[in-house]
N, C-alpha and C. Protein backbone atom coordinates (compact mmCIF):
# COMPACT_ATOMS: atom_id res chain seq x y z
N MET A 1 0.54 -0.93 0.18
CA MET A 1 -0.15 -0.08 -0.14
C MET A 1 0.94 1.02 0.12
N PHE A 2 0.67 2.01 -1.17
CA PHE A 2 1.39 3.57 -0.86
C PHE A 2 0.77 4.48 -0.14
N LEU A 3 1.71 5.28 1.10
CA LEU A 3 1.19 5.99 1.89
C LEU A 3 1.78 7.34 1.24
N ALA A 4 1.09 8.22 1.20
CA ALA A 4 1.85 9.66 0.69
C ALA A 4 2.30 10.24 2.09
N PRO A 5 3.14 10.96 1.93
CA PRO A 5 4.03 11.46 3.09
C PRO A 5 3.03 12.61 3.64
N SER A 6 3.20 12.79 4.51
CA SER A 6 2.36 13.82 5.68
C SER A 6 2.54 15.16 5.00
N GLY A 7 1.66 15.82 4.71
CA GLY A 7 1.63 17.20 4.45
C GLY A 7 1.69 17.48 2.86
N ALA A 8 2.13 16.32 2.21
CA ALA A 8 1.64 16.13 0.51
C ALA A 8 0.34 16.33 0.16
N ASN A 9 0.51 17.26 -1.04
CA ASN A 9 -0.88 17.50 -1.33
C ASN A 9 -1.17 16.86 -3.11
N TYR A 10 -1.70 16.00 -3.03
CA TYR A 10 -1.56 15.42 -4.71
C TYR A 10 -2.67 15.84 -5.23
N GLN A 11 -2.53 15.92 -6.37
CA GLN A 11 -4.17 16.38 -7.34
C GLN A 11 -4.35 15.33 -7.89
N ARG A 12 -5.26 14.54 -8.16
CA ARG A 12 -5.56 13.57 -9.38
C ARG A 12 -5.68 14.28 -10.57
N ALA A 13 -4.93 13.43 -11.55
CA ALA A 13 -4.92 13.56 -12.54
C ALA A 13 -5.75 13.01 -13.62
N ALA A 14 -6.76 13.73 -14.08
CA ALA A 14 -8.10 13.53 -14.92
C ALA A 14 -8.12 14.54 -15.81
N PHE A 15 -9.19 13.92 -16.72
CA PHE A 15 -9.55 15.24 -17.67
C PHE A 15 -10.72 15.70 -17.28
N THR A 16 -11.10 16.87 -17.39
CA THR A 16 -12.18 17.46 -17.49
C THR A 16 -13.14 17.34 -18.32
N LEU A 17 -14.59 17.72 -18.09
CA LEU A 17 -15.70 17.44 -19.37
C LEU A 17 -15.40 18.31 -20.43
N LEU A 18 -15.21 19.25 -20.40
CA LEU A 18 -14.56 20.11 -21.53
C LEU A 18 -13.25 19.55 -22.24
N GLU A 19 -12.44 19.33 -21.73
CA GLU A 19 -11.21 18.66 -22.64
C GLU A 19 -11.78 17.33 -23.27
N LEU A 20 -12.79 16.69 -22.88
CA LEU A 20 -13.22 15.53 -23.52
C LEU A 20 -14.33 15.90 -24.59
N LEU A 21 -15.13 17.11 -24.44
CA LEU A 21 -15.92 17.36 -25.36
C LEU A 21 -15.43 17.98 -26.45
N ALA A 22 -14.05 18.72 -25.99
CA ALA A 22 -13.55 18.85 -27.25
C ALA A 22 -12.35 18.11 -28.05
N VAL A 23 -12.05 17.31 -27.63
CA VAL A 23 -11.72 15.92 -28.44
C VAL A 23 -12.76 15.50 -29.31
N VAL A 24 -13.68 14.78 -28.41
CA VAL A 24 -14.99 14.33 -29.50
C VAL A 24 -15.22 15.13 -30.35
N ALA A 25 -15.26 16.59 -30.25
CA ALA A 25 -16.21 17.49 -31.35
C ALA A 25 -14.72 17.52 -32.49
N LEU A 26 -13.39 16.95 -32.39
CA LEU A 26 -12.36 17.11 -33.00
C LEU A 26 -12.26 15.98 -34.03
N VAL A 27 -12.51 14.88 -33.21
CA VAL A 27 -12.79 13.53 -33.72
C VAL A 27 -13.83 13.52 -35.02
N ALA A 28 -14.90 14.17 -34.48
CA ALA A 28 -15.95 14.12 -35.13
C ALA A 28 -15.88 14.81 -36.72
N LEU A 29 -15.44 16.04 -36.32
CA LEU A 29 -14.99 16.52 -37.77
C LEU A 29 -14.28 16.09 -38.33
N LEU A 30 -13.06 15.72 -37.96
CA LEU A 30 -12.25 14.59 -39.03
C LEU A 30 -12.90 13.68 -39.43
N CYS A 31 -13.82 12.98 -38.73
CA CYS A 31 -14.80 11.81 -39.47
C CYS A 31 -15.29 12.26 -40.50
N GLY A 32 -16.04 13.82 -40.29
CA GLY A 32 -16.82 13.77 -41.18
C GLY A 32 -15.93 14.31 -42.47
N LEU A 33 -14.70 15.34 -42.24
CA LEU A 33 -14.01 15.35 -43.47
C LEU A 33 -13.84 14.23 -44.68
N LEU A 34 -13.09 13.14 -43.60
CA LEU A 34 -12.83 11.88 -44.19
C LEU A 34 -13.92 11.44 -45.04
N LEU A 35 -15.11 11.16 -44.55
CA LEU A 35 -16.02 10.65 -45.28
C LEU A 35 -16.77 11.60 -46.34
N GLY A 36 -16.53 13.10 -46.28
CA GLY A 36 -16.78 13.73 -47.39
C GLY A 36 -15.91 13.50 -48.44
N ALA A 37 -14.79 13.32 -48.16
CA ALA A 37 -13.64 13.34 -49.37
C ALA A 37 -13.89 12.00 -49.70
N ALA A 38 -14.28 10.65 -48.82
CA ALA A 38 -14.37 9.43 -49.47
C ALA A 38 -15.82 9.47 -50.60
N ARG A 39 -16.63 9.70 -50.16
CA ARG A 39 -17.73 10.11 -50.97
C ARG A 39 -17.37 10.89 -52.60
N ARG A 40 -16.79 11.79 -52.34
CA ARG A 40 -16.16 12.46 -53.72
C ARG A 40 -14.96 11.70 -54.35
N VAL A 41 -14.26 10.55 -53.95
CA VAL A 41 -13.37 9.81 -54.32
C VAL A 41 -14.37 9.12 -54.97
N VAL A 42 -15.48 8.25 -54.84
CA VAL A 42 -16.25 7.34 -55.08
C VAL A 42 -17.01 7.66 -56.39
N GLU A 43 -17.22 9.37 -56.20
CA GLU A 43 -18.34 9.88 -57.30
C GLU A 43 -17.35 10.03 -58.36
N VAL A 44 -15.85 10.72 -58.61
CA VAL A 44 -14.91 10.66 -59.32
C VAL A 44 -14.87 9.44 -59.86
N GLY A 45 -14.56 8.24 -59.11
CA GLY A 45 -14.44 6.88 -59.93
C GLY A 45 -15.62 6.31 -60.45
N ARG A 46 -16.80 7.00 -59.98
CA ARG A 46 -17.98 6.41 -61.03
C ARG A 46 -18.24 7.46 -62.36
N THR A 47 -17.64 8.75 -62.27
CA THR A 47 -17.53 9.21 -63.48
C THR A 47 -16.64 8.55 -64.43
N ALA A 48 -15.60 8.53 -63.72
CA ALA A 48 -14.41 7.91 -64.90
C ALA A 48 -14.68 6.44 -65.29
N ARG A 49 -15.38 5.63 -64.77
CA ARG A 49 -15.74 4.63 -65.10
C ARG A 49 -16.75 4.52 -66.55
N THR A 50 -17.68 5.47 -66.04
CA THR A 50 -18.59 5.72 -67.34
C THR A 50 -17.83 6.28 -68.09
N LYS A 51 -17.33 7.01 -68.06
CA LYS A 51 -16.74 7.82 -69.28
C LYS A 51 -15.73 6.65 -70.11
N ALA A 52 -15.04 6.01 -69.41
CA ALA A 52 -14.47 4.80 -69.99
C ALA A 52 -15.49 3.69 -70.66
N GLU A 53 -16.49 3.50 -70.27
CA GLU A 53 -17.39 2.70 -71.00
C GLU A 53 -18.32 3.10 -72.06
N LEU A 54 -18.21 4.31 -72.09
CA LEU A 54 -19.05 5.56 -72.72
C LEU A 54 -18.23 4.96 -74.29
N ALA A 55 -16.43 5.52 -74.22
CA ALA A 55 -15.77 5.56 -74.99
C ALA A 55 -15.06 4.03 -75.60
N VAL A 56 -15.54 2.96 -74.98
CA VAL A 56 -15.77 1.63 -75.63
C VAL A 56 -17.01 1.52 -76.48
N LEU A 57 -18.19 1.85 -75.74
CA LEU A 57 -19.54 1.75 -76.51
C LEU A 57 -19.19 2.35 -77.77
N ALA A 58 -18.90 3.77 -77.83
CA ALA A 58 -18.58 4.37 -79.08
C ALA A 58 -17.65 3.77 -80.22
N ALA A 59 -16.64 3.08 -79.81
CA ALA A 59 -15.83 2.35 -80.09
C ALA A 59 -16.77 1.45 -81.07
N ALA A 60 -17.60 0.50 -80.93
CA ALA A 60 -18.36 -0.50 -80.88
C ALA A 60 -19.48 -0.26 -81.67
N LEU A 61 -20.00 1.48 -81.55
CA LEU A 61 -20.96 1.63 -82.55
C LEU A 61 -20.18 1.73 -83.78
N GLU A 62 -18.71 2.38 -83.91
CA GLU A 62 -18.17 2.90 -85.32
C GLU A 62 -18.12 1.33 -85.77
N ASN A 63 -17.24 0.58 -85.15
CA ASN A 63 -17.00 -0.92 -85.73
C ASN A 63 -18.57 -1.60 -86.19
N TYR A 64 -19.45 -1.30 -85.79
CA TYR A 64 -20.83 -1.74 -86.10
C TYR A 64 -21.39 -0.90 -87.32
N GLN A 65 -20.83 0.63 -87.50
CA GLN A 65 -21.13 1.33 -88.75
C GLN A 65 -20.46 0.83 -89.90
N ARG A 66 -19.34 0.71 -89.52
CA ARG A 66 -18.38 0.04 -90.70
C ARG A 66 -18.56 -1.43 -91.09
N LEU A 67 -19.07 -2.33 -90.03
CA LEU A 67 -19.79 -3.68 -90.71
C LEU A 67 -20.67 -3.77 -91.48
N TYR A 68 -21.91 -2.89 -91.15
CA TYR A 68 -23.22 -2.60 -91.72
C TYR A 68 -23.45 -1.40 -92.67
N GLY A 69 -22.67 -0.50 -92.27
CA GLY A 69 -22.85 0.66 -93.56
C GLY A 69 -23.59 2.13 -92.58
N ASP A 70 -24.16 1.33 -91.15
CA ASP A 70 -25.12 2.46 -90.69
C ASP A 70 -25.04 1.96 -88.92
N TYR A 71 -25.64 3.12 -88.20
CA TYR A 71 -25.80 2.86 -86.97
C TYR A 71 -26.73 1.85 -86.33
N PRO A 72 -27.21 1.41 -85.39
CA PRO A 72 -28.24 0.89 -85.05
C PRO A 72 -29.39 1.86 -85.14
N GLN A 73 -30.39 1.45 -85.81
CA GLN A 73 -31.70 2.45 -85.53
C GLN A 73 -32.85 2.05 -84.53
N THR A 74 -32.22 2.22 -83.51
CA THR A 74 -33.31 2.02 -82.32
C THR A 74 -32.94 3.38 -81.06
N ALA A 75 -34.26 3.53 -80.33
CA ALA A 75 -34.00 4.14 -78.84
C ALA A 75 -34.05 3.44 -78.33
N ASP A 76 -34.04 2.14 -78.51
CA ASP A 76 -34.41 1.01 -76.88
C ASP A 76 -33.04 0.81 -76.67
N PRO A 77 -32.64 0.92 -75.46
CA PRO A 77 -31.64 0.43 -74.78
C PRO A 77 -31.06 -1.23 -74.78
N SER A 78 -32.27 -2.25 -75.04
CA SER A 78 -31.99 -3.29 -75.00
C SER A 78 -31.73 -3.70 -76.47
N GLN A 79 -32.32 -3.11 -77.32
CA GLN A 79 -31.86 -3.15 -78.95
C GLN A 79 -30.57 -2.90 -79.12
N LEU A 80 -30.36 -1.70 -78.60
CA LEU A 80 -28.92 -1.46 -78.96
C LEU A 80 -27.87 -2.33 -78.19
N LEU A 81 -28.32 -3.03 -77.31
CA LEU A 81 -27.21 -4.13 -76.25
C LEU A 81 -27.11 -5.23 -77.76
N GLN A 82 -28.57 -5.77 -78.10
CA GLN A 82 -28.44 -6.64 -79.07
C GLN A 82 -28.05 -6.37 -80.02
N SER A 83 -27.82 -5.49 -80.84
CA SER A 83 -27.15 -4.83 -81.81
C SER A 83 -25.45 -4.78 -81.96
N LEU A 84 -25.00 -5.08 -80.60
CA LEU A 84 -23.63 -4.70 -80.46
C LEU A 84 -23.09 -6.14 -79.85
N VAL A 85 -23.81 -7.11 -79.53
CA VAL A 85 -23.47 -8.06 -79.34
C VAL A 85 -23.84 -9.22 -80.73
N GLY A 86 -24.08 -8.41 -81.60
CA GLY A 86 -24.29 -9.29 -82.86
C GLY A 86 -25.90 -9.89 -83.11
N ARG A 87 -26.73 -9.87 -82.34
CA ARG A 87 -27.79 -10.03 -82.82
C ARG A 87 -29.23 -9.48 -83.43
N ARG A 88 -28.73 -8.46 -83.73
CA ARG A 88 -29.48 -7.16 -84.64
C ARG A 88 -29.07 -6.74 -85.67
N GLY A 89 -29.34 -6.44 -86.86
CA GLY A 89 -28.84 -5.35 -88.02
C GLY A 89 -29.50 -4.10 -87.63
N PRO A 90 -29.07 -3.32 -88.50
CA PRO A 90 -29.16 -1.87 -88.45
C PRO A 90 -30.86 -1.70 -88.29
N ARG A 91 -31.50 -2.09 -89.08
CA ARG A 91 -32.97 -1.86 -88.84
C ARG A 91 -33.46 -2.99 -87.90
N ASN A 92 -33.27 -3.29 -87.29
CA ASN A 92 -33.76 -4.27 -86.47
C ASN A 92 -33.64 -5.77 -86.56
N THR A 93 -33.05 -6.04 -87.90
CA THR A 93 -33.62 -7.15 -88.27
C THR A 93 -32.48 -8.17 -87.67
N VAL A 94 -32.91 -9.68 -87.61
CA VAL A 94 -32.00 -10.64 -86.77
C VAL A 94 -30.86 -10.84 -87.57
N SER A 95 -29.78 -10.76 -86.78
CA SER A 95 -28.51 -11.04 -87.30
C SER A 95 -27.76 -12.14 -86.30
N PHE A 96 -26.89 -12.69 -87.16
CA PHE A 96 -25.86 -13.48 -86.18
C PHE A 96 -24.33 -13.31 -86.27
N THR A 97 -23.88 -12.12 -85.90
CA THR A 97 -22.41 -11.85 -86.35
C THR A 97 -21.59 -11.85 -84.84
N PRO A 98 -20.41 -11.53 -84.92
CA PRO A 98 -19.35 -11.82 -83.96
C PRO A 98 -19.99 -10.24 -83.27
N SER A 99 -19.61 -10.65 -81.59
CA SER A 99 -20.09 -9.65 -81.00
C SER A 99 -19.21 -8.34 -81.52
N LEU A 100 -19.62 -7.47 -81.01
CA LEU A 100 -18.32 -6.11 -81.10
C LEU A 100 -18.13 -5.29 -79.79
N LEU A 101 -18.94 -6.05 -78.50
CA LEU A 101 -18.52 -5.48 -77.58
C LEU A 101 -18.42 -6.73 -76.77
N GLY A 102 -17.21 -6.44 -75.56
CA GLY A 102 -16.61 -7.63 -74.62
C GLY A 102 -17.59 -7.20 -73.33
N LEU A 103 -18.73 -7.93 -73.09
CA LEU A 103 -19.20 -7.78 -71.84
C LEU A 103 -18.77 -7.73 -70.65
N ALA A 104 -17.71 -8.51 -70.33
CA ALA A 104 -17.27 -8.84 -69.11
C ALA A 104 -16.87 -7.76 -67.99
N HIS A 105 -16.61 -6.57 -68.94
CA HIS A 105 -16.61 -5.29 -67.86
C HIS A 105 -17.76 -4.34 -67.84
N TYR A 106 -18.90 -4.79 -68.28
CA TYR A 106 -20.17 -4.29 -68.53
C TYR A 106 -21.01 -4.93 -67.36
N ARG A 107 -21.89 -4.13 -67.07
CA ARG A 107 -23.22 -4.45 -66.10
C ARG A 107 -24.46 -3.94 -66.78
N THR A 108 -25.32 -5.49 -66.36
CA THR A 108 -26.65 -5.42 -67.06
C THR A 108 -27.80 -5.15 -66.02
N VAL A 109 -28.99 -4.66 -66.16
CA VAL A 109 -29.79 -4.69 -65.27
C VAL A 109 -29.82 -6.05 -64.76
N ALA A 110 -30.12 -6.31 -63.10
CA ALA A 110 -30.44 -7.33 -63.02
C ALA A 110 -29.47 -8.67 -63.00
N GLY A 111 -28.23 -7.95 -63.37
CA GLY A 111 -27.38 -9.16 -64.09
C GLY A 111 -27.77 -9.95 -65.33
N ARG A 112 -28.89 -9.30 -66.21
CA ARG A 112 -29.51 -10.14 -67.12
C ARG A 112 -28.35 -10.71 -68.31
N ASP A 113 -28.29 -11.77 -68.84
CA ASP A 113 -27.46 -12.19 -69.89
C ASP A 113 -28.12 -11.78 -71.41
N PRO A 114 -27.23 -10.86 -72.06
CA PRO A 114 -27.70 -10.47 -73.02
C PRO A 114 -27.81 -11.46 -74.42
N TRP A 115 -27.30 -12.60 -74.41
CA TRP A 115 -27.61 -13.65 -75.18
C TRP A 115 -28.56 -14.54 -74.27
N GLY A 116 -28.93 -14.59 -73.85
CA GLY A 116 -30.18 -15.31 -73.21
C GLY A 116 -31.54 -14.21 -73.00
N ASP A 117 -31.57 -13.03 -72.60
CA ASP A 117 -32.32 -12.36 -72.30
C ASP A 117 -32.53 -11.19 -73.26
N VAL A 118 -33.58 -10.74 -74.17
CA VAL A 118 -33.40 -9.91 -75.01
C VAL A 118 -33.47 -8.78 -74.72
N SER A 119 -34.09 -8.88 -73.42
CA SER A 119 -34.53 -7.48 -72.56
C SER A 119 -33.16 -6.84 -71.71
N ALA A 120 -32.10 -7.69 -71.88
CA ALA A 120 -31.21 -7.10 -70.89
C ALA A 120 -30.45 -5.65 -71.40
N THR A 121 -30.19 -4.42 -70.65
CA THR A 121 -29.95 -3.37 -70.73
C THR A 121 -28.41 -3.16 -70.17
N LEU A 122 -27.22 -2.62 -71.12
CA LEU A 122 -26.25 -1.91 -70.19
C LEU A 122 -26.39 -1.10 -68.97
N ILE A 123 -25.91 -0.63 -68.24
CA ILE A 123 -26.05 0.18 -67.24
C ILE A 123 -24.90 1.07 -66.60
N ASP A 124 -25.01 2.23 -66.33
CA ASP A 124 -23.71 2.84 -65.96
C ASP A 124 -23.66 2.79 -64.45
N ALA A 125 -22.52 3.63 -64.10
CA ALA A 125 -22.44 3.34 -62.81
C ALA A 125 -23.45 3.69 -61.95
N TRP A 126 -24.49 4.72 -62.18
CA TRP A 126 -25.34 4.68 -61.09
C TRP A 126 -26.55 4.05 -61.31
N ASP A 127 -26.34 2.71 -62.08
CA ASP A 127 -27.64 1.70 -62.44
C ASP A 127 -28.67 2.26 -63.32
N GLN A 128 -28.17 3.27 -64.32
CA GLN A 128 -29.27 3.48 -65.33
C GLN A 128 -28.90 3.32 -66.46
N PRO A 129 -29.78 2.91 -67.24
CA PRO A 129 -29.43 2.40 -68.64
C PRO A 129 -28.62 3.67 -69.54
N TYR A 130 -27.65 3.04 -70.33
CA TYR A 130 -26.83 4.29 -71.45
C TYR A 130 -28.10 4.85 -72.37
N GLN A 131 -27.95 6.28 -72.70
CA GLN A 131 -28.87 6.64 -73.54
C GLN A 131 -28.21 6.65 -74.92
N TYR A 132 -29.18 6.59 -76.02
CA TYR A 132 -28.78 6.30 -77.24
C TYR A 132 -29.95 6.83 -78.25
N ILE A 133 -29.60 7.72 -78.94
CA ILE A 133 -30.07 8.55 -79.93
C ILE A 133 -29.80 8.35 -81.21
N TYR A 134 -30.59 8.14 -82.26
CA TYR A 134 -30.21 7.63 -83.87
C TYR A 134 -31.22 8.76 -84.66
N LYS A 135 -30.82 9.21 -85.59
CA LYS A 135 -31.56 9.89 -86.55
C LYS A 135 -33.09 9.34 -86.73
N ASP A 136 -34.24 10.41 -86.78
CA ASP A 136 -35.09 10.20 -87.33
C ASP A 136 -35.56 10.18 -88.50
N PRO A 137 -35.67 9.27 -89.82
CA PRO A 137 -35.73 9.94 -90.86
C PRO A 137 -36.68 10.70 -91.33
N ALA A 138 -37.72 10.89 -90.73
CA ALA A 138 -38.89 12.05 -90.88
C ALA A 138 -38.20 13.11 -90.47
N ALA A 139 -37.35 13.56 -89.66
CA ALA A 139 -37.22 14.80 -89.12
C ALA A 139 -35.53 15.22 -89.79
N SER A 140 -35.20 16.46 -89.53
CA SER A 140 -34.28 16.90 -89.78
C SER A 140 -33.17 16.72 -89.09
N TRP A 141 -32.13 15.71 -89.29
CA TRP A 141 -30.94 15.51 -88.48
C TRP A 141 -29.61 16.26 -88.76
N GLY A 142 -28.96 16.91 -88.20
CA GLY A 142 -27.47 17.60 -88.55
C GLY A 142 -26.56 16.60 -87.99
N GLN A 143 -26.91 15.85 -86.96
CA GLN A 143 -25.96 14.95 -86.50
C GLN A 143 -25.33 13.79 -87.64
N VAL A 144 -23.80 14.06 -87.58
CA VAL A 144 -23.47 12.90 -88.67
C VAL A 144 -23.73 11.52 -88.07
N SER A 145 -23.88 11.38 -86.77
CA SER A 145 -23.78 9.82 -86.28
C SER A 145 -25.06 9.62 -85.19
N TYR A 146 -24.79 9.66 -84.12
CA TYR A 146 -25.87 9.40 -82.95
C TYR A 146 -25.14 10.29 -81.80
N VAL A 147 -25.99 10.07 -81.08
CA VAL A 147 -25.84 10.75 -79.68
C VAL A 147 -26.10 9.46 -78.57
N LEU A 148 -24.88 9.16 -77.50
CA LEU A 148 -24.61 8.25 -76.85
C LEU A 148 -24.22 8.99 -75.35
N TYR A 149 -24.99 8.52 -74.36
CA TYR A 149 -24.78 9.45 -72.88
C TYR A 149 -25.20 8.59 -72.00
N SER A 150 -24.65 9.35 -70.48
CA SER A 150 -25.08 8.68 -69.35
C SER A 150 -26.14 9.56 -68.65
N ARG A 151 -26.92 9.44 -67.82
CA ARG A 151 -28.00 10.61 -67.23
C ARG A 151 -27.00 10.95 -66.51
N GLY A 152 -25.91 10.78 -65.90
CA GLY A 152 -24.98 11.05 -64.91
C GLY A 152 -25.52 10.75 -63.18
N PRO A 153 -25.23 11.26 -62.27
CA PRO A 153 -25.45 11.02 -61.03
C PRO A 153 -27.03 11.15 -60.51
N ASP A 154 -27.84 12.06 -61.04
CA ASP A 154 -29.12 12.40 -60.74
C ASP A 154 -30.18 11.91 -61.61
N GLY A 155 -29.51 11.42 -62.55
CA GLY A 155 -30.50 10.39 -63.44
C GLY A 155 -31.45 10.47 -64.09
N ARG A 156 -31.45 12.19 -64.33
CA ARG A 156 -32.23 13.04 -65.00
C ARG A 156 -31.93 13.31 -66.36
N ASP A 157 -32.89 13.70 -67.34
CA ASP A 157 -32.36 13.90 -68.51
C ASP A 157 -34.01 14.27 -69.36
N PHE A 158 -33.40 15.52 -70.32
CA PHE A 158 -34.36 15.81 -70.97
C PHE A 158 -34.11 15.57 -72.62
N ARG A 159 -34.74 14.97 -72.99
CA ARG A 159 -34.33 14.66 -74.51
C ARG A 159 -34.79 15.46 -75.49
N GLY A 160 -35.52 16.43 -75.41
CA GLY A 160 -35.69 17.49 -76.35
C GLY A 160 -34.59 17.90 -77.16
N LEU A 161 -34.37 17.75 -78.28
CA LEU A 161 -33.19 17.89 -79.16
C LEU A 161 -33.39 19.24 -79.71
N LEU A 162 -32.23 20.17 -79.60
CA LEU A 162 -31.98 21.12 -80.49
C LEU A 162 -31.92 20.75 -81.97
N SER A 163 -32.50 21.63 -82.79
CA SER A 163 -32.09 21.62 -84.34
C SER A 163 -31.15 20.90 -84.41
N GLY A 164 -31.02 19.82 -85.35
CA GLY A 164 -30.04 18.97 -85.77
C GLY A 164 -29.55 17.88 -85.00
N GLY A 165 -30.53 17.46 -84.08
CA GLY A 165 -30.18 16.41 -83.33
C GLY A 165 -29.52 16.50 -82.26
N LEU A 166 -28.97 17.28 -81.66
CA LEU A 166 -28.25 17.49 -80.45
C LEU A 166 -28.99 17.81 -79.12
N VAL A 167 -28.31 17.32 -78.32
CA VAL A 167 -29.25 17.14 -76.93
C VAL A 167 -28.85 18.52 -75.88
N ASP A 168 -29.84 19.11 -76.10
CA ASP A 168 -29.21 20.51 -75.01
C ASP A 168 -28.75 20.42 -73.89
N PRO A 169 -26.91 20.69 -73.58
CA PRO A 169 -26.60 19.94 -72.38
C PRO A 169 -26.59 21.61 -71.43
N SER A 170 -27.45 22.50 -71.89
CA SER A 170 -27.32 23.39 -70.60
C SER A 170 -28.67 23.49 -70.08
N LEU A 171 -29.63 22.77 -70.22
CA LEU A 171 -30.82 22.62 -69.47
C LEU A 171 -30.31 21.97 -68.16
N PRO A 172 -31.12 22.01 -67.19
CA PRO A 172 -30.93 21.73 -65.63
C PRO A 172 -30.86 20.14 -65.33
N GLU A 173 -31.67 19.62 -66.20
CA GLU A 173 -31.84 18.39 -66.13
C GLU A 173 -30.39 17.71 -66.76
N ASN A 174 -30.01 18.34 -67.65
CA ASN A 174 -28.77 17.61 -68.52
C ASN A 174 -27.31 18.21 -68.03
N LEU A 175 -27.35 19.11 -66.82
CA LEU A 175 -26.21 19.33 -66.47
C LEU A 175 -25.05 18.49 -66.19
N ASP A 176 -25.74 17.37 -65.65
CA ASP A 176 -24.62 16.18 -65.15
C ASP A 176 -24.31 15.15 -66.01
N ASN A 177 -25.21 15.25 -67.19
CA ASN A 177 -25.01 14.08 -68.26
C ASN A 177 -23.52 13.87 -68.75
N ILE A 178 -22.92 12.82 -68.90
CA ILE A 178 -21.95 12.22 -69.27
C ILE A 178 -22.08 11.84 -70.76
N TYR A 179 -21.70 12.31 -71.89
CA TYR A 179 -21.83 12.08 -73.35
C TYR A 179 -20.38 11.59 -73.81
N ALA A 180 -20.77 10.91 -75.02
CA ALA A 180 -19.57 9.92 -75.56
C ALA A 180 -19.02 11.12 -76.78
N ASN A 181 -17.55 10.71 -77.06
CA ASN A 181 -17.26 11.63 -77.85
C ASN A 181 -16.99 13.08 -77.56
N ARG A 182 -17.45 13.88 -76.82
CA ARG A 182 -17.11 14.88 -76.23
C ARG A 182 -16.41 15.24 -75.02
N PRO A 183 -15.89 16.17 -75.05
CA PRO A 183 -15.04 16.27 -74.02
C PRO A 183 -15.61 16.57 -72.47
């Protein structure tokens, strides 16, 4: 047993409530900053993945155009996928050609297999189908090819096309859209 010398006045070493609250507040602040930065990194990663996937889809569409002489004439995301895997021709005719798209790095809605399920669609990093617009033969279309894009993080877009077939990127619904073949 430890006995204090007579006349010694020892103070007990401990943290005050104010000091503990300050430490807890500091730890909470650092955690908030870390979580915010982590969310931003995840969002940047999703955007980069989507841009890379759009670039590969655009290359597959160019190969499709070289093979058939035209791009897929559809606005249906599942028919677009069927075209790129060699199951449909430009005017949605049944075709059995080699696949122009390696599906190993893509995700489909509910993991559907595009060879076994014709309703399968490719989805972006926010689980939304990629959007594809091709010229309407009855409309005046100034685009030389197609419009391919992701709706981005908010999942919204407005498809009202400008004259010539371009999507208006300045609309509030389209501000976060990510387009293929555009910087």
